[in-house]
N, C-alpha and C. Protein backbone atom coordinates (compact mmCIF):
# COMPACT_ATOMS: atom_id res chain seq x y z
N UNK A 1 5.58 34.87 24.39
CA UNK A 1 4.92 33.57 24.57
C UNK A 1 3.48 33.66 24.06
N UNK A 2 3.09 32.71 23.23
CA UNK A 2 1.77 32.73 22.64
C UNK A 2 0.74 32.07 23.56
N UNK A 3 -0.46 32.68 23.64
CA UNK A 3 -1.50 32.13 24.53
C UNK A 3 -1.90 30.72 24.14
N UNK A 4 -2.24 29.92 25.13
CA UNK A 4 -2.76 28.57 24.92
C UNK A 4 -4.28 28.62 24.99
N UNK A 5 -4.90 27.46 24.97
CA UNK A 5 -6.36 27.38 25.04
C UNK A 5 -6.92 28.01 26.32
N UNK A 6 -6.07 28.17 27.33
CA UNK A 6 -6.53 28.77 28.60
C UNK A 6 -7.11 30.17 28.41
N UNK A 7 -6.64 30.87 27.37
CA UNK A 7 -7.18 32.22 27.14
C UNK A 7 -8.65 32.16 26.76
N UNK A 8 -9.06 31.08 26.11
CA UNK A 8 -10.48 30.89 25.76
C UNK A 8 -11.28 30.60 27.03
N UNK A 9 -10.74 29.73 27.88
CA UNK A 9 -11.42 29.40 29.14
C UNK A 9 -11.57 30.62 30.03
N UNK A 10 -10.56 31.50 29.97
CA UNK A 10 -10.56 32.72 30.80
C UNK A 10 -11.72 33.64 30.42
N UNK A 11 -11.90 33.84 29.12
CA UNK A 11 -12.95 34.76 28.66
C UNK A 11 -14.32 34.11 28.55
N UNK A 12 -14.34 32.79 28.50
CA UNK A 12 -15.62 32.06 28.41
C UNK A 12 -15.63 30.98 29.50
N UNK A 13 -15.86 31.39 30.75
CA UNK A 13 -15.71 30.49 31.90
C UNK A 13 -16.82 29.45 32.04
N UNK A 14 -17.90 29.59 31.28
CA UNK A 14 -19.03 28.67 31.47
C UNK A 14 -19.11 27.57 30.41
N UNK A 15 -18.00 27.25 29.80
CA UNK A 15 -17.97 26.19 28.79
C UNK A 15 -18.25 24.83 29.42
N UNK A 16 -18.89 23.95 28.65
CA UNK A 16 -19.06 22.56 29.09
C UNK A 16 -17.73 21.84 28.91
N UNK A 17 -17.62 20.65 29.49
CA UNK A 17 -16.40 19.85 29.31
C UNK A 17 -16.20 19.48 27.85
N UNK A 18 -17.29 19.22 27.14
CA UNK A 18 -17.20 18.91 25.71
C UNK A 18 -16.62 20.10 24.95
N UNK A 19 -17.12 21.30 25.24
CA UNK A 19 -16.61 22.50 24.56
C UNK A 19 -15.14 22.75 24.89
N UNK A 20 -14.77 22.55 26.14
CA UNK A 20 -13.36 22.73 26.52
C UNK A 20 -12.46 21.78 25.73
N UNK A 21 -12.91 20.54 25.61
CA UNK A 21 -12.14 19.55 24.86
C UNK A 21 -12.03 19.93 23.39
N UNK A 22 -13.15 20.39 22.83
CA UNK A 22 -13.14 20.78 21.41
C UNK A 22 -12.20 21.95 21.16
N UNK A 23 -12.25 22.96 22.02
CA UNK A 23 -11.33 24.09 21.84
C UNK A 23 -9.88 23.63 21.99
N UNK A 24 -9.61 22.74 22.93
CA UNK A 24 -8.25 22.24 23.13
C UNK A 24 -7.75 21.46 21.91
N UNK A 25 -8.65 20.74 21.25
CA UNK A 25 -8.27 19.95 20.07
C UNK A 25 -7.77 20.80 18.91
N UNK A 26 -8.19 22.06 18.87
CA UNK A 26 -7.77 22.94 17.77
C UNK A 26 -6.25 23.10 17.71
N UNK A 27 -5.60 22.99 18.87
CA UNK A 27 -4.14 23.15 18.95
C UNK A 27 -3.40 22.06 18.18
N UNK A 28 -4.04 20.90 18.01
CA UNK A 28 -3.44 19.82 17.23
C UNK A 28 -3.96 19.82 15.79
N UNK A 29 -5.25 20.07 15.63
CA UNK A 29 -5.87 19.96 14.31
C UNK A 29 -5.34 21.00 13.32
N UNK A 30 -5.24 22.25 13.74
CA UNK A 30 -4.84 23.27 12.78
C UNK A 30 -3.38 23.17 12.34
N UNK A 31 -2.42 22.95 13.24
CA UNK A 31 -1.05 22.75 12.76
C UNK A 31 -0.93 21.53 11.83
N UNK A 32 -1.67 20.46 12.14
CA UNK A 32 -1.63 19.26 11.29
C UNK A 32 -2.11 19.58 9.88
N UNK A 33 -3.30 20.18 9.78
CA UNK A 33 -3.85 20.46 8.45
C UNK A 33 -3.14 21.61 7.76
N UNK A 34 -2.62 22.55 8.55
CA UNK A 34 -1.92 23.69 7.95
C UNK A 34 -0.63 23.26 7.26
N UNK A 35 -0.02 22.20 7.75
CA UNK A 35 1.19 21.66 7.11
C UNK A 35 0.89 21.07 5.74
N UNK A 36 -0.35 20.66 5.53
CA UNK A 36 -0.73 20.05 4.26
C UNK A 36 -1.39 21.04 3.30
N UNK A 37 -2.25 21.89 3.87
CA UNK A 37 -2.97 22.89 3.08
C UNK A 37 -2.90 24.20 3.85
N UNK A 38 -2.19 25.16 3.31
CA UNK A 38 -1.93 26.40 4.06
C UNK A 38 -3.18 27.27 4.17
N UNK A 39 -3.81 27.27 5.35
CA UNK A 39 -5.00 28.10 5.58
C UNK A 39 -4.73 29.24 6.56
N UNK A 40 -3.62 29.13 7.28
CA UNK A 40 -3.17 30.19 8.20
C UNK A 40 -1.70 30.40 7.89
N UNK A 41 -1.22 31.65 7.92
CA UNK A 41 0.20 31.86 7.64
C UNK A 41 1.03 31.04 8.63
N UNK A 42 2.15 30.52 8.15
CA UNK A 42 2.96 29.59 8.95
C UNK A 42 3.34 30.16 10.32
N UNK A 43 3.73 31.43 10.35
CA UNK A 43 4.15 32.02 11.62
C UNK A 43 2.94 32.30 12.52
N UNK A 44 1.79 32.53 11.90
CA UNK A 44 0.61 32.91 12.66
C UNK A 44 -0.07 31.71 13.33
N UNK A 45 0.21 30.50 12.86
CA UNK A 45 -0.42 29.32 13.45
C UNK A 45 -0.02 29.18 14.92
N UNK A 46 1.14 29.74 15.28
CA UNK A 46 1.58 29.72 16.69
C UNK A 46 0.70 30.62 17.56
N UNK A 47 0.05 31.60 16.93
CA UNK A 47 -0.85 32.51 17.65
C UNK A 47 -2.31 32.14 17.41
N UNK A 48 -2.55 30.85 17.18
CA UNK A 48 -3.88 30.37 16.81
C UNK A 48 -4.97 30.86 17.74
N UNK A 49 -4.77 30.70 19.05
CA UNK A 49 -5.85 31.01 20.00
C UNK A 49 -6.12 32.51 20.11
N UNK A 50 -5.09 33.33 20.03
CA UNK A 50 -5.28 34.78 20.14
C UNK A 50 -5.78 35.38 18.82
N UNK A 51 -5.08 35.12 17.73
CA UNK A 51 -5.34 35.79 16.46
C UNK A 51 -6.53 35.22 15.70
N UNK A 52 -6.89 33.98 15.97
CA UNK A 52 -7.93 33.33 15.17
C UNK A 52 -9.13 32.88 16.00
N UNK A 53 -8.90 32.12 17.06
CA UNK A 53 -10.02 31.58 17.83
C UNK A 53 -10.69 32.68 18.66
N UNK A 54 -9.91 33.37 19.49
CA UNK A 54 -10.50 34.42 20.33
C UNK A 54 -11.05 35.56 19.47
N UNK A 55 -10.32 35.90 18.42
CA UNK A 55 -10.80 36.94 17.51
C UNK A 55 -12.18 36.57 16.95
N UNK A 56 -12.35 35.33 16.53
CA UNK A 56 -13.64 34.86 16.01
C UNK A 56 -14.74 35.00 17.06
N UNK A 57 -14.38 34.72 18.30
CA UNK A 57 -15.36 34.74 19.39
C UNK A 57 -15.73 36.15 19.84
N UNK A 58 -15.09 37.16 19.25
CA UNK A 58 -15.49 38.53 19.50
C UNK A 58 -16.96 38.75 19.14
N UNK A 59 -17.42 38.04 18.11
CA UNK A 59 -18.83 38.12 17.72
C UNK A 59 -19.72 37.65 18.86
N UNK A 60 -19.29 36.60 19.55
CA UNK A 60 -20.07 36.06 20.67
C UNK A 60 -20.11 37.04 21.84
N UNK A 61 -19.03 37.76 22.05
CA UNK A 61 -19.00 38.74 23.14
C UNK A 61 -19.99 39.88 22.88
N UNK A 62 -20.13 40.25 21.61
CA UNK A 62 -21.07 41.31 21.28
C UNK A 62 -22.51 40.80 21.32
N UNK A 63 -22.79 39.67 20.67
CA UNK A 63 -24.17 39.18 20.56
C UNK A 63 -24.64 38.53 21.86
N UNK A 64 -23.71 37.95 22.61
CA UNK A 64 -23.98 37.22 23.88
C UNK A 64 -24.56 35.83 23.62
N UNK A 65 -25.68 35.76 22.89
CA UNK A 65 -26.27 34.45 22.63
C UNK A 65 -27.10 34.50 21.35
N UNK A 66 -27.30 33.33 20.75
CA UNK A 66 -28.19 33.20 19.60
C UNK A 66 -29.32 32.25 19.97
N UNK A 67 -30.51 32.51 19.46
CA UNK A 67 -31.64 31.61 19.70
C UNK A 67 -31.37 30.26 19.05
N UNK A 68 -31.78 29.15 19.71
CA UNK A 68 -31.61 27.84 19.09
C UNK A 68 -32.26 27.81 17.70
N UNK A 69 -31.55 27.19 16.76
CA UNK A 69 -32.06 27.09 15.40
C UNK A 69 -31.69 28.27 14.51
N UNK A 70 -31.02 29.27 15.06
CA UNK A 70 -30.54 30.40 14.25
C UNK A 70 -29.64 29.85 13.13
N UNK A 71 -29.79 30.43 11.94
CA UNK A 71 -28.98 30.02 10.78
C UNK A 71 -27.95 31.11 10.48
N UNK A 72 -26.68 30.71 10.43
CA UNK A 72 -25.59 31.66 10.22
C UNK A 72 -24.73 31.23 9.04
N UNK A 73 -24.48 32.16 8.12
CA UNK A 73 -23.61 31.92 6.97
C UNK A 73 -22.26 32.59 7.23
N UNK A 74 -21.18 31.82 7.07
CA UNK A 74 -19.81 32.34 7.20
C UNK A 74 -19.22 32.42 5.79
N UNK A 75 -19.04 33.66 5.31
CA UNK A 75 -18.59 33.89 3.93
C UNK A 75 -17.07 34.07 3.89
N UNK A 76 -16.40 33.32 3.00
CA UNK A 76 -14.94 33.40 2.91
C UNK A 76 -14.30 32.87 4.17
N UNK A 77 -14.79 31.73 4.60
CA UNK A 77 -14.40 31.17 5.91
C UNK A 77 -12.92 30.79 6.00
N UNK A 78 -12.25 30.61 4.87
CA UNK A 78 -10.84 30.20 4.92
C UNK A 78 -10.71 28.84 5.59
N UNK A 79 -9.97 28.78 6.67
CA UNK A 79 -9.82 27.52 7.41
C UNK A 79 -10.91 27.28 8.43
N UNK A 80 -11.95 28.14 8.45
CA UNK A 80 -13.06 27.92 9.37
C UNK A 80 -13.25 29.01 10.41
N UNK A 81 -12.82 30.23 10.06
CA UNK A 81 -12.93 31.35 11.01
C UNK A 81 -13.79 32.46 10.41
N UNK A 82 -14.77 32.95 11.15
CA UNK A 82 -15.07 32.66 12.56
C UNK A 82 -15.98 31.45 12.81
N UNK A 83 -16.40 30.75 11.77
CA UNK A 83 -17.44 29.73 11.91
C UNK A 83 -17.18 28.61 12.88
N UNK A 84 -15.98 28.01 12.84
CA UNK A 84 -15.70 26.84 13.69
C UNK A 84 -15.73 27.21 15.18
N UNK A 85 -15.00 28.25 15.62
CA UNK A 85 -15.10 28.60 17.05
C UNK A 85 -16.52 28.94 17.49
N UNK A 86 -17.27 29.64 16.63
CA UNK A 86 -18.65 29.98 16.98
C UNK A 86 -19.53 28.73 17.04
N UNK A 87 -19.28 27.78 16.17
CA UNK A 87 -20.06 26.54 16.17
C UNK A 87 -19.80 25.71 17.43
N UNK A 88 -18.58 25.76 17.94
CA UNK A 88 -18.28 25.08 19.21
C UNK A 88 -19.06 25.76 20.34
N UNK A 89 -19.05 27.09 20.33
CA UNK A 89 -19.68 27.85 21.42
C UNK A 89 -21.21 27.76 21.39
N UNK A 90 -21.77 27.65 20.19
CA UNK A 90 -23.23 27.64 20.03
C UNK A 90 -23.70 26.36 19.32
N UNK A 91 -23.73 25.24 20.04
CA UNK A 91 -24.06 23.96 19.40
C UNK A 91 -25.50 23.86 18.89
N UNK A 92 -26.39 24.76 19.35
CA UNK A 92 -27.78 24.73 18.90
C UNK A 92 -28.03 25.64 17.70
N UNK A 93 -26.96 26.23 17.17
CA UNK A 93 -27.07 27.13 16.01
C UNK A 93 -26.50 26.42 14.78
N UNK A 94 -27.13 26.65 13.63
CA UNK A 94 -26.70 25.99 12.38
C UNK A 94 -25.77 26.92 11.61
N UNK A 95 -24.58 26.42 11.29
CA UNK A 95 -23.57 27.21 10.59
C UNK A 95 -23.31 26.64 9.20
N UNK A 96 -23.31 27.52 8.21
CA UNK A 96 -22.98 27.14 6.83
C UNK A 96 -21.72 27.92 6.45
N UNK A 97 -20.61 27.22 6.31
CA UNK A 97 -19.31 27.84 6.02
C UNK A 97 -19.01 27.67 4.54
N UNK A 98 -18.75 28.78 3.84
CA UNK A 98 -18.48 28.71 2.40
C UNK A 98 -17.19 29.45 2.07
N UNK A 99 -16.52 28.96 1.02
CA UNK A 99 -15.32 29.61 0.52
C UNK A 99 -15.17 29.26 -0.96
N UNK A 100 -14.58 30.17 -1.72
CA UNK A 100 -14.40 29.93 -3.15
C UNK A 100 -13.19 29.04 -3.44
N UNK A 101 -12.40 28.73 -2.40
CA UNK A 101 -11.21 27.88 -2.57
C UNK A 101 -11.49 26.50 -1.97
N UNK A 102 -11.55 25.50 -2.83
CA UNK A 102 -11.97 24.16 -2.42
C UNK A 102 -11.10 23.51 -1.37
N UNK A 103 -9.77 23.70 -1.45
CA UNK A 103 -8.89 23.02 -0.49
C UNK A 103 -9.08 23.57 0.93
N UNK A 104 -9.50 24.82 1.04
CA UNK A 104 -9.77 25.37 2.37
C UNK A 104 -11.02 24.72 2.97
N UNK A 105 -12.02 24.47 2.13
CA UNK A 105 -13.23 23.79 2.60
C UNK A 105 -12.93 22.36 3.02
N UNK A 106 -11.96 21.73 2.37
CA UNK A 106 -11.54 20.38 2.81
C UNK A 106 -11.04 20.42 4.25
N UNK A 107 -10.25 21.43 4.59
CA UNK A 107 -9.75 21.58 5.96
C UNK A 107 -10.91 21.80 6.93
N UNK A 108 -11.83 22.67 6.55
CA UNK A 108 -12.99 22.95 7.41
C UNK A 108 -13.77 21.66 7.69
N UNK A 109 -14.01 20.88 6.66
CA UNK A 109 -14.77 19.63 6.84
C UNK A 109 -14.03 18.65 7.74
N UNK A 110 -12.72 18.56 7.55
CA UNK A 110 -11.92 17.63 8.37
C UNK A 110 -11.90 18.07 9.83
N UNK A 111 -11.75 19.36 10.07
CA UNK A 111 -11.73 19.88 11.45
C UNK A 111 -13.09 19.68 12.11
N UNK A 112 -14.15 20.03 11.39
CA UNK A 112 -15.51 19.89 11.94
C UNK A 112 -15.81 18.43 12.26
N UNK A 113 -15.38 17.52 11.39
CA UNK A 113 -15.59 16.08 11.60
C UNK A 113 -14.82 15.58 12.82
N UNK A 114 -13.55 16.01 12.94
CA UNK A 114 -12.73 15.57 14.07
C UNK A 114 -13.29 16.08 15.40
N UNK A 115 -13.92 17.25 15.37
CA UNK A 115 -14.50 17.82 16.59
C UNK A 115 -15.89 17.27 16.89
N UNK A 116 -16.48 16.57 15.92
CA UNK A 116 -17.84 16.06 16.10
C UNK A 116 -18.89 17.15 16.03
N UNK A 117 -18.63 18.18 15.24
CA UNK A 117 -19.58 19.30 15.13
C UNK A 117 -20.68 18.94 14.12
N UNK A 118 -21.85 18.64 14.64
CA UNK A 118 -22.97 18.26 13.77
C UNK A 118 -23.75 19.49 13.29
N UNK A 119 -23.38 20.66 13.76
CA UNK A 119 -24.09 21.89 13.38
C UNK A 119 -23.34 22.68 12.32
N UNK A 120 -22.37 22.04 11.65
CA UNK A 120 -21.56 22.72 10.63
C UNK A 120 -21.73 22.03 9.28
N UNK A 121 -22.03 22.85 8.27
CA UNK A 121 -22.06 22.41 6.88
C UNK A 121 -21.04 23.28 6.14
N UNK A 122 -20.25 22.69 5.26
CA UNK A 122 -19.22 23.46 4.56
C UNK A 122 -19.28 23.17 3.07
N UNK A 123 -19.24 24.24 2.26
CA UNK A 123 -19.34 24.09 0.82
C UNK A 123 -18.36 24.97 0.07
N UNK A 124 -17.83 24.40 -1.02
CA UNK A 124 -16.97 25.13 -1.94
C UNK A 124 -17.88 25.86 -2.94
N UNK A 125 -18.21 27.10 -2.60
CA UNK A 125 -19.15 27.87 -3.41
C UNK A 125 -18.99 29.35 -3.08
N UNK A 126 -19.32 30.21 -4.03
CA UNK A 126 -19.32 31.65 -3.76
C UNK A 126 -20.65 32.04 -3.13
N UNK A 127 -20.61 33.01 -2.26
CA UNK A 127 -21.82 33.43 -1.55
C UNK A 127 -22.92 33.84 -2.52
N UNK A 128 -22.53 34.49 -3.63
CA UNK A 128 -23.51 34.97 -4.61
C UNK A 128 -24.32 33.84 -5.23
N UNK A 129 -23.75 32.63 -5.22
CA UNK A 129 -24.40 31.48 -5.87
C UNK A 129 -25.39 30.76 -4.96
N UNK A 130 -25.44 31.14 -3.70
CA UNK A 130 -26.31 30.46 -2.74
C UNK A 130 -27.76 30.91 -2.89
N UNK A 131 -28.66 29.96 -2.73
CA UNK A 131 -30.10 30.28 -2.76
C UNK A 131 -30.70 30.35 -1.36
N UNK A 132 -29.99 29.83 -0.36
CA UNK A 132 -30.53 29.76 1.00
C UNK A 132 -30.59 31.14 1.65
N UNK A 133 -31.35 31.21 2.75
CA UNK A 133 -31.44 32.46 3.52
C UNK A 133 -31.08 32.18 4.98
N UNK A 134 -30.59 33.23 5.64
CA UNK A 134 -29.99 33.08 6.97
C UNK A 134 -30.43 34.23 7.88
N UNK A 135 -30.24 34.01 9.18
CA UNK A 135 -30.48 35.08 10.14
C UNK A 135 -29.31 36.08 10.14
N UNK A 136 -28.10 35.54 10.12
CA UNK A 136 -26.91 36.39 10.14
C UNK A 136 -25.88 35.90 9.13
N UNK A 137 -25.10 36.85 8.64
CA UNK A 137 -23.93 36.53 7.82
C UNK A 137 -22.71 37.04 8.60
N UNK A 138 -21.74 36.16 8.82
CA UNK A 138 -20.50 36.54 9.52
C UNK A 138 -19.33 36.42 8.55
N UNK A 139 -18.27 37.16 8.84
CA UNK A 139 -17.07 37.07 8.02
C UNK A 139 -15.93 37.77 8.72
N UNK A 140 -14.71 37.42 8.29
CA UNK A 140 -13.51 38.07 8.83
C UNK A 140 -12.78 38.79 7.72
N UNK A 141 -13.14 40.07 7.52
CA UNK A 141 -12.36 40.96 6.66
C UNK A 141 -12.00 40.37 5.30
N UNK A 142 -12.96 39.77 4.62
CA UNK A 142 -12.62 39.19 3.31
C UNK A 142 -12.45 40.26 2.23
N UNK A 143 -13.14 41.40 2.38
CA UNK A 143 -13.03 42.50 1.42
C UNK A 143 -13.66 43.75 2.04
N UNK A 144 -13.67 44.83 1.30
CA UNK A 144 -14.31 46.06 1.78
C UNK A 144 -15.82 45.85 1.87
N UNK A 145 -16.45 46.51 2.83
CA UNK A 145 -17.88 46.35 3.04
C UNK A 145 -18.70 46.69 1.79
N UNK A 146 -18.25 47.68 1.03
CA UNK A 146 -18.97 48.08 -0.18
C UNK A 146 -19.01 46.95 -1.20
N UNK A 147 -17.97 46.13 -1.22
CA UNK A 147 -17.93 44.98 -2.14
C UNK A 147 -18.64 43.77 -1.55
N UNK A 148 -18.57 43.65 -0.23
CA UNK A 148 -19.14 42.49 0.46
C UNK A 148 -20.66 42.50 0.45
N UNK A 149 -21.23 43.65 0.73
CA UNK A 149 -22.69 43.75 0.89
C UNK A 149 -23.49 43.22 -0.31
N UNK A 150 -23.11 43.53 -1.55
CA UNK A 150 -23.89 43.00 -2.69
C UNK A 150 -23.88 41.47 -2.78
N UNK A 151 -22.81 40.84 -2.30
CA UNK A 151 -22.75 39.37 -2.36
C UNK A 151 -23.86 38.74 -1.54
N UNK A 152 -24.24 39.39 -0.44
CA UNK A 152 -25.13 38.73 0.53
C UNK A 152 -26.42 39.50 0.79
N UNK A 153 -26.68 40.50 -0.05
CA UNK A 153 -27.81 41.40 0.19
C UNK A 153 -29.15 40.66 0.28
N UNK A 154 -29.34 39.64 -0.52
CA UNK A 154 -30.63 38.93 -0.57
C UNK A 154 -30.60 37.60 0.19
N UNK A 155 -29.70 37.47 1.14
CA UNK A 155 -29.50 36.19 1.82
C UNK A 155 -30.14 36.13 3.21
N UNK A 156 -30.98 37.12 3.55
CA UNK A 156 -31.47 37.20 4.93
C UNK A 156 -32.93 36.78 5.07
N UNK A 157 -33.19 36.04 6.13
CA UNK A 157 -34.57 35.71 6.50
C UNK A 157 -35.27 36.98 6.97
N UNK A 158 -36.55 37.08 6.67
CA UNK A 158 -37.28 38.32 7.02
C UNK A 158 -37.61 38.41 8.51
N UNK A 159 -37.88 37.27 9.14
CA UNK A 159 -38.32 37.29 10.54
C UNK A 159 -37.13 37.25 11.49
N UNK A 160 -37.11 38.17 12.45
CA UNK A 160 -36.04 38.20 13.46
C UNK A 160 -36.42 37.32 14.64
N UNK A 161 -35.45 36.55 15.15
CA UNK A 161 -35.73 35.75 16.34
C UNK A 161 -34.66 35.88 17.42
N UNK A 162 -33.77 36.86 17.23
CA UNK A 162 -32.70 37.09 18.20
C UNK A 162 -32.84 38.47 18.84
N UNK A 163 -31.94 38.76 19.76
CA UNK A 163 -31.99 40.03 20.49
C UNK A 163 -31.69 41.24 19.62
N UNK A 164 -31.02 41.01 18.47
CA UNK A 164 -30.77 42.08 17.50
C UNK A 164 -31.36 41.64 16.17
N UNK A 165 -31.75 42.60 15.30
CA UNK A 165 -32.29 42.23 14.00
C UNK A 165 -31.26 41.47 13.14
N UNK A 166 -31.77 40.65 12.24
CA UNK A 166 -30.90 39.90 11.33
C UNK A 166 -29.97 40.86 10.58
N UNK A 167 -28.76 40.40 10.31
CA UNK A 167 -27.82 41.28 9.61
C UNK A 167 -26.43 40.70 9.52
N UNK A 168 -25.48 41.59 9.20
CA UNK A 168 -24.07 41.24 9.03
C UNK A 168 -23.33 41.44 10.35
N UNK A 169 -22.47 40.49 10.70
CA UNK A 169 -21.54 40.62 11.83
C UNK A 169 -20.14 40.41 11.24
N UNK A 170 -19.43 41.51 11.07
CA UNK A 170 -18.20 41.52 10.28
C UNK A 170 -17.02 41.86 11.17
N UNK A 171 -16.00 41.02 11.20
CA UNK A 171 -14.80 41.29 11.99
C UNK A 171 -13.78 42.03 11.14
N UNK A 172 -13.41 43.21 11.57
CA UNK A 172 -12.47 44.00 10.77
C UNK A 172 -11.68 44.93 11.67
N UNK A 173 -10.48 45.33 11.20
CA UNK A 173 -9.63 46.22 11.98
C UNK A 173 -9.29 47.49 11.26
N UNK A 174 -8.68 48.43 11.99
CA UNK A 174 -8.21 49.68 11.40
C UNK A 174 -9.24 50.80 11.49
N UNK A 175 -8.96 51.88 10.76
CA UNK A 175 -9.87 53.03 10.72
C UNK A 175 -10.94 52.75 9.67
N UNK A 176 -12.16 52.50 10.14
CA UNK A 176 -13.22 52.02 9.24
C UNK A 176 -14.22 53.10 8.83
N UNK A 177 -13.99 54.33 9.27
CA UNK A 177 -14.98 55.40 8.98
C UNK A 177 -15.20 55.57 7.47
N UNK A 178 -14.11 55.66 6.71
CA UNK A 178 -14.22 55.86 5.27
C UNK A 178 -14.88 54.66 4.59
N UNK A 179 -14.50 53.48 5.04
CA UNK A 179 -15.05 52.27 4.45
C UNK A 179 -16.55 52.16 4.67
N UNK A 180 -17.00 52.52 5.87
CA UNK A 180 -18.44 52.48 6.17
C UNK A 180 -19.18 53.55 5.36
N UNK A 181 -18.56 54.73 5.25
CA UNK A 181 -19.17 55.80 4.46
C UNK A 181 -19.31 55.38 3.00
N UNK A 182 -18.28 54.77 2.48
CA UNK A 182 -18.28 54.29 1.09
C UNK A 182 -19.37 53.25 0.85
N UNK A 183 -19.60 52.40 1.85
CA UNK A 183 -20.57 51.30 1.71
C UNK A 183 -22.02 51.78 1.75
N UNK A 184 -22.24 52.98 2.34
CA UNK A 184 -23.59 53.53 2.53
C UNK A 184 -24.48 52.63 3.39
N UNK A 185 -23.85 51.84 4.23
CA UNK A 185 -24.59 50.96 5.14
C UNK A 185 -24.74 51.63 6.50
N UNK A 186 -25.81 51.32 7.19
CA UNK A 186 -26.00 51.82 8.56
C UNK A 186 -25.31 50.86 9.51
N UNK A 187 -24.01 51.04 9.64
CA UNK A 187 -23.18 50.11 10.40
C UNK A 187 -22.87 50.63 11.79
N UNK A 188 -22.81 49.71 12.74
CA UNK A 188 -22.40 50.02 14.12
C UNK A 188 -21.03 49.41 14.36
N UNK A 189 -20.14 50.17 15.00
CA UNK A 189 -18.81 49.67 15.35
C UNK A 189 -18.76 49.31 16.83
N UNK A 190 -18.36 48.08 17.11
CA UNK A 190 -18.23 47.64 18.50
C UNK A 190 -16.78 47.19 18.72
N UNK A 191 -15.99 47.97 19.48
CA UNK A 191 -14.57 47.67 19.66
C UNK A 191 -14.35 46.37 20.44
N UNK A 192 -13.49 45.51 19.90
CA UNK A 192 -13.17 44.27 20.62
C UNK A 192 -12.37 44.54 21.88
N UNK A 193 -11.76 45.73 21.95
CA UNK A 193 -11.03 46.10 23.18
C UNK A 193 -11.97 46.29 24.36
N UNK A 194 -13.28 46.40 24.09
CA UNK A 194 -14.26 46.46 25.19
C UNK A 194 -14.40 45.09 25.87
N UNK A 195 -14.03 44.03 25.15
CA UNK A 195 -14.23 42.67 25.67
C UNK A 195 -12.92 41.96 26.01
N UNK A 196 -11.85 42.27 25.27
CA UNK A 196 -10.57 41.58 25.44
C UNK A 196 -9.47 42.59 25.76
N UNK A 197 -8.61 42.27 26.71
CA UNK A 197 -7.60 43.24 27.17
C UNK A 197 -6.30 43.20 26.36
N UNK A 198 -6.09 42.17 25.54
CA UNK A 198 -4.83 42.02 24.81
C UNK A 198 -4.65 43.13 23.77
N UNK A 199 -3.39 43.57 23.58
CA UNK A 199 -3.08 44.65 22.65
C UNK A 199 -3.56 44.35 21.22
N UNK A 200 -3.55 43.08 20.86
CA UNK A 200 -3.96 42.66 19.51
C UNK A 200 -5.33 43.21 19.12
N UNK A 201 -6.20 43.42 20.10
CA UNK A 201 -7.59 43.81 19.81
C UNK A 201 -7.83 45.32 19.81
N UNK A 202 -6.79 46.10 20.04
CA UNK A 202 -6.96 47.55 20.23
C UNK A 202 -7.62 48.24 19.04
N UNK A 203 -7.34 47.81 17.83
CA UNK A 203 -7.91 48.49 16.64
C UNK A 203 -8.86 47.57 15.88
N UNK A 204 -9.41 46.56 16.57
CA UNK A 204 -10.29 45.61 15.90
C UNK A 204 -11.73 45.76 16.39
N UNK A 205 -12.66 45.47 15.49
CA UNK A 205 -14.08 45.70 15.76
C UNK A 205 -14.97 44.56 15.27
N UNK A 206 -16.15 44.47 15.90
CA UNK A 206 -17.28 43.79 15.28
C UNK A 206 -18.08 44.90 14.61
N UNK A 207 -18.25 44.79 13.30
CA UNK A 207 -19.09 45.73 12.56
C UNK A 207 -20.45 45.07 12.38
N UNK A 208 -21.49 45.67 12.99
CA UNK A 208 -22.84 45.10 12.89
C UNK A 208 -23.67 45.96 11.94
N UNK A 209 -24.25 45.31 10.94
CA UNK A 209 -25.10 46.00 9.96
C UNK A 209 -26.46 45.32 9.93
N UNK A 210 -27.51 45.93 10.51
CA UNK A 210 -28.85 45.34 10.40
C UNK A 210 -29.28 45.34 8.93
N UNK A 211 -29.85 44.23 8.49
CA UNK A 211 -30.28 44.13 7.09
C UNK A 211 -31.79 43.93 6.99
């Protein structure tokens, strides 16, 4: 049996009624748009809350909170992960979701509009082409860290305003020692199993790289 939105309420008990409603709406929005534009594998859409929404919120469990006005870039957002769940959780934070595939950005815009998320901007563009700067860059395993880092190396604001220095918050699974060594980045691994008890998270991490 696949978890419902209740799994989000369980791990994030202090949500407002608006946030609860927004998270609940995802159960209708994603299957609807996925039938038209495939942004999640057909079988995986049934595990939306566990595999996509809660997984995205692993970043929130590690960071705890972001200062109001923090700017976050979501690179290779696909259908809006991790950006959309994080934008629901942090309404005072500005999220810029980008992807190189235009039809995926159409889904992101439609979902954000239906949820009334005024803190989300979505663009069909490659990260390398952006001129803006951000406090954090988030992503869900779009490529190896050694390939990812050059795309966003010059995208960070110099001044820190959060509890951790500006940097990358990367969701990835598996044995990452070789990948981190290859990237030559000073990366920290934070196991999602420290925050979530489900088996799905046993080999998954938030990779934090101060930039």
